[in-house]
Amino acid sequence: MGFTLGGIDEMRDPAVRTLVALGEDGTVLAVTSWLPAYRAGQVVGWTLDVMRRAPDAPNGVMEFLVASAVDRMRADGAERLSLSAAPLASSAEPQTGGRSGVESVLDVVGGALEPVYGFRSLLRFKAKFGPDLHPLVMAYPDPVALPTIGVAIVRTYLPGLSLRQAVAIMRERRPAPAARAEQPAARVG
């Protein structure tokens, strides 16, 4: 089991669909790639993998590519199209009574990685298309393991990051002691 953050190796697979937006002069403005989803050996849908745009690309180019993919794949008879996950970003409102230990750790990790990966902005982008949202579920053996899990998640997205650097990032992203004191106590478990 694994996941992809999207890259050239995946895009080279002939089963992967790639959509490219070109400027009038032939310059690449943006690209998306879509991984096939199979059932009984047949492609039944597509999952968004890569989304990249040139820094000077016009606003709306990525929306154009996603909408074009939806139209094309619908015409081709796809049963489903997934915009993929926006890990470490939540569409849910915080529950009354505070966040759980898991939610707190994931919120800190997501906040630490937001400037690098943009999980929350990715979720806002995908929300433009009115998708059905499905929660991601994480199973873990014991709440004591949550800090280690948080560091492992950070290292998944930033593989060259040392443990010391990961801990420093997470500490920087924690609210100040006064702000923590104002928040309701979080439950672990």
Protein backbone atom coordinates (compact mmCIF):
# COMPACT_ATOMS: atom_id res chain seq x y z
CA MET A 1 0.00 0.00 0.00
CA GLY A 2 1.29 3.44 -0.76
CA PHE A 3 0.46 6.83 -2.06
CA THR A 4 1.85 9.22 -4.57
CA LEU A 5 2.61 12.88 -4.34
CA GLY A 6 2.75 12.94 -8.10
CA GLY A 7 5.85 13.07 -10.18
CA ILE A 8 7.48 12.45 -13.51
CA ASP A 9 7.80 8.68 -12.94
CA GLU A 10 4.03 8.29 -12.50
CA MET A 11 3.34 10.54 -15.49
CA ARG A 12 5.49 8.33 -17.75
CA ASP A 13 3.14 5.39 -17.22
CA PRO A 14 1.13 4.98 -20.46
CA ALA A 15 -2.02 4.25 -18.43
CA VAL A 16 -1.87 7.73 -16.86
CA ARG A 17 -3.77 10.54 -18.57
CA THR A 18 -2.03 13.89 -18.79
CA LEU A 19 -3.75 17.15 -19.63
CA VAL A 20 -1.67 20.18 -20.58
CA ALA A 21 -2.76 23.80 -20.98
CA LEU A 22 -0.69 25.67 -23.55
CA GLY A 23 -0.39 29.39 -24.11
CA GLU A 24 -0.87 30.94 -27.55
CA ASP A 25 2.89 30.67 -28.10
CA GLY A 26 2.96 26.97 -27.16
CA THR A 27 4.36 27.57 -23.67
CA VAL A 28 3.17 25.09 -21.05
CA LEU A 29 0.95 26.96 -18.58
CA ALA A 30 -0.23 24.05 -16.45
CA VAL A 31 -0.43 20.28 -16.32
CA THR A 32 -2.55 17.69 -14.55
CA SER A 33 -2.19 13.93 -14.51
CA TRP A 34 -4.84 11.37 -13.68
CA LEU A 35 -4.23 7.83 -12.44
CA PRO A 36 -6.64 5.12 -13.58
CA ALA A 37 -8.94 3.43 -11.05
CA TYR A 38 -9.68 -0.19 -11.86
CA ARG A 39 -12.40 -2.72 -11.11
CA ALA A 40 -12.09 -6.27 -12.43
CA GLY A 41 -9.22 -5.18 -14.66
CA GLN A 42 -11.21 -2.39 -16.33
CA VAL A 43 -10.69 1.35 -15.90
CA VAL A 44 -13.81 2.71 -14.20
CA GLY A 45 -12.55 6.10 -13.10
CA TRP A 46 -9.67 8.48 -12.64
CA THR A 47 -7.83 10.03 -9.69
CA LEU A 48 -6.09 13.39 -9.83
CA ASP A 49 -2.38 13.02 -9.13
CA VAL A 50 -0.26 15.92 -10.39
CA MET A 51 -1.33 19.57 -10.51
CA ARG A 52 1.35 22.04 -11.51
CA ARG A 53 1.11 25.51 -13.01
CA ALA A 54 3.68 27.98 -14.24
CA PRO A 55 4.14 30.93 -11.86
CA ASP A 56 3.03 33.36 -14.58
CA ALA A 57 0.08 31.26 -15.78
CA PRO A 58 -3.22 33.12 -15.92
CA ASN A 59 -5.72 32.73 -13.10
CA GLY A 60 -8.19 29.92 -13.72
CA VAL A 61 -5.90 27.72 -15.81
CA MET A 62 -5.94 24.89 -13.25
CA GLU A 63 -9.73 25.11 -12.93
CA PHE A 64 -9.90 24.91 -16.73
CA LEU A 65 -7.81 21.72 -16.76
CA VAL A 66 -9.85 20.03 -14.03
CA ALA A 67 -13.16 20.99 -15.67
CA SER A 68 -11.84 19.76 -19.03
CA ALA A 69 -10.86 16.45 -17.44
CA VAL A 70 -14.33 16.08 -15.93
CA ASP A 71 -15.97 16.70 -19.31
CA ARG A 72 -13.62 14.36 -21.17
CA MET A 73 -13.82 11.52 -18.66
CA ARG A 74 -17.60 11.79 -18.42
CA ALA A 75 -17.78 11.55 -22.23
CA ASP A 76 -15.52 8.49 -22.06
CA GLY A 77 -17.94 6.80 -19.63
CA ALA A 78 -15.96 7.06 -16.40
CA GLU A 79 -18.06 6.06 -13.38
CA ARG A 80 -16.14 8.23 -10.97
CA LEU A 81 -13.53 10.92 -10.81
CA SER A 82 -11.56 11.65 -7.66
CA LEU A 83 -9.85 14.93 -6.89
CA SER A 84 -7.79 12.93 -4.37
CA ALA A 85 -7.22 13.73 -0.75
CA ALA A 86 -6.14 16.96 0.84
CA PRO A 87 -4.34 15.32 3.75
CA LEU A 88 -3.88 17.25 6.98
CA ALA A 89 -6.66 19.67 6.03
CA SER A 90 -10.09 19.33 7.57
CA SER A 91 -13.43 20.34 6.13
CA ALA A 92 -15.15 19.60 9.45
CA GLU A 93 -15.95 22.21 12.05
CA PRO A 94 -14.19 21.64 15.39
CA GLN A 95 -16.38 19.65 17.75
CA THR A 96 -17.84 21.23 20.86
CA GLY A 97 -15.59 20.46 23.80
CA GLY A 98 -12.30 20.84 21.97
CA ARG A 99 -10.25 18.74 19.64
CA SER A 100 -9.09 15.23 20.35
CA GLY A 101 -5.40 14.47 20.78
CA VAL A 102 -5.24 13.12 17.24
CA GLU A 103 -6.90 16.21 15.79
CA SER A 104 -4.55 18.46 17.74
CA VAL A 105 -1.41 16.66 16.55
CA LEU A 106 -2.61 16.53 12.95
CA ASP A 107 -3.57 20.21 13.09
CA VAL A 108 -0.05 21.13 14.28
CA VAL A 109 1.56 18.96 11.58
CA GLY A 110 -0.77 20.36 8.91
CA GLY A 111 -0.03 23.91 10.03
CA ALA A 112 3.71 23.25 9.99
CA LEU A 113 3.59 21.87 6.46
CA GLU A 114 1.09 24.38 5.03
CA PRO A 115 3.76 26.81 3.78
CA VAL A 116 5.59 23.94 2.06
CA TYR A 117 2.76 21.76 0.74
CA GLY A 118 -0.44 23.83 1.01
CA PHE A 119 -2.88 21.18 2.27
CA ARG A 120 -5.50 23.72 3.34
CA SER A 121 -5.27 25.78 0.17
CA LEU A 122 -5.49 22.51 -1.80
CA LEU A 123 -8.73 21.65 0.01
CA ARG A 124 -10.14 25.12 -0.74
CA PHE A 125 -9.21 24.70 -4.42
CA LYS A 126 -10.87 21.30 -4.66
CA ALA A 127 -13.99 22.55 -2.86
CA LYS A 128 -14.70 24.79 -5.88
CA PHE A 129 -15.85 21.71 -7.77
CA GLY A 130 -18.46 20.64 -5.20
CA PRO A 131 -16.99 17.19 -4.53
CA ASP A 132 -18.40 14.55 -2.23
CA LEU A 133 -16.10 14.64 0.78
CA HIS A 134 -14.97 11.43 2.47
CA PRO A 135 -12.93 11.45 5.68
CA LEU A 136 -9.46 9.97 5.82
CA VAL A 137 -9.11 7.58 8.73
CA MET A 138 -5.92 6.90 10.64
CA ALA A 139 -5.53 3.84 12.84
CA TYR A 140 -2.90 3.94 15.55
CA PRO A 141 -2.05 1.58 18.41
CA ASP A 142 -1.90 4.05 21.29
CA PRO A 143 -2.30 7.83 21.73
CA VAL A 144 1.26 7.89 23.09
CA ALA A 145 2.40 7.13 19.52
CA LEU A 146 0.85 10.33 18.12
CA PRO A 147 3.97 12.54 18.31
CA THR A 148 5.98 9.86 16.51
CA ILE A 149 3.22 9.50 13.93
CA GLY A 150 3.20 13.28 13.46
CA VAL A 151 6.94 13.31 12.81
CA ALA A 152 6.57 10.37 10.38
CA ILE A 153 3.89 12.27 8.45
CA VAL A 154 6.14 15.32 8.22
CA ARG A 155 9.02 13.15 6.99
CA THR A 156 6.76 11.60 4.34
CA TYR A 157 6.32 14.99 2.74
CA LEU A 158 9.84 16.25 3.53
CA PRO A 159 12.01 13.10 3.33
CA GLY A 160 15.32 14.90 3.88
CA LEU A 161 14.11 16.43 7.12
CA SER A 162 15.95 15.29 10.25
CA LEU A 163 14.12 14.38 13.44
CA ARG A 164 15.58 17.47 15.13
CA GLN A 165 14.34 19.72 12.30
CA ALA A 166 10.87 18.11 12.36
CA VAL A 167 10.53 18.62 16.10
CA ALA A 168 11.70 22.24 15.74
CA ILE A 169 9.09 22.90 13.05
CA MET A 170 6.33 21.39 15.17
CA ARG A 171 7.40 23.44 18.21
CA GLU A 172 7.38 26.65 16.16
CA ARG A 173 3.83 25.96 15.00
CA ARG A 174 2.39 25.35 18.47
CA PRO A 175 0.30 28.17 19.92
CA ALA A 176 1.96 30.34 22.57
CA PRO A 177 1.37 29.19 26.20
CA ALA A 178 -1.21 31.94 26.80
CA ALA A 179 -3.17 30.90 23.70
CA ARG A 180 -3.04 27.24 24.76
CA ALA A 181 -4.39 28.15 28.20
CA GLU A 182 -7.43 29.80 26.56
CA GLN A 183 -8.26 26.70 24.52
CA PRO A 184 -10.48 23.97 25.99
CA ALA A 185 -8.58 20.94 27.21
CA ALA A 186 -8.18 18.27 24.54
CA ARG A 187 -9.09 14.68 25.24
CA VAL A 188 -6.68 11.94 24.28
CA GLY A 189 -8.20 8.70 23.13
